[in-house]
Amino acid sequence: MMMIGELLIGLLVLFGAVVSALSAFGLIRLPDVYLRSHAATKSTTLGVLCILSGAFLYFMFYLDHVSAKLLLGIVFVFITSPVAGHLNGRAAHRTGVPLWKGSVRDDLSEAMRREEQGRQVQQKDGSKLEQDNRN
């Protein structure tokens, strides 16, 4: 039984290492900043989570130690890495970094256009209120 558990934990860590290596390969090979950001965050998150989970399970089952540091690491990586990737992509889009020529969708441009229209409406309403207050 102990041998099977060690084997499963080893496979989990190995899977995490392979996914992390593939994401590093994607970081080098993918054509634009958006796809690289995707490779650098989402798949790396899965890889790191598998490695940390494997370490957590090993400590818990074989050393009878529940590591709060590993749990916090898992939670922080799971929360922060995808958010950081999203913010990097959004910042690149706002600064005008072009999409790869093979990209077929740009959902963020539509959302930014609606945001800009909402901002213009608010400015018009604000200027009307100022004029009303002056009169």
Foldseek 3Di string as FASTA:
>chain_A
DVVVLLVVLVVLLVVLVVLLVVLVVQLVPPDFDLSNLCSNFDSNLSSVLSNLVSVQVCCCPPVVDHDVVSVVVNVCSVPPRVVVSVVVVVVCVVVPGDDDPPDDDDVVVVVVVVVVVVVVVVVVVVVVVVVVVVD
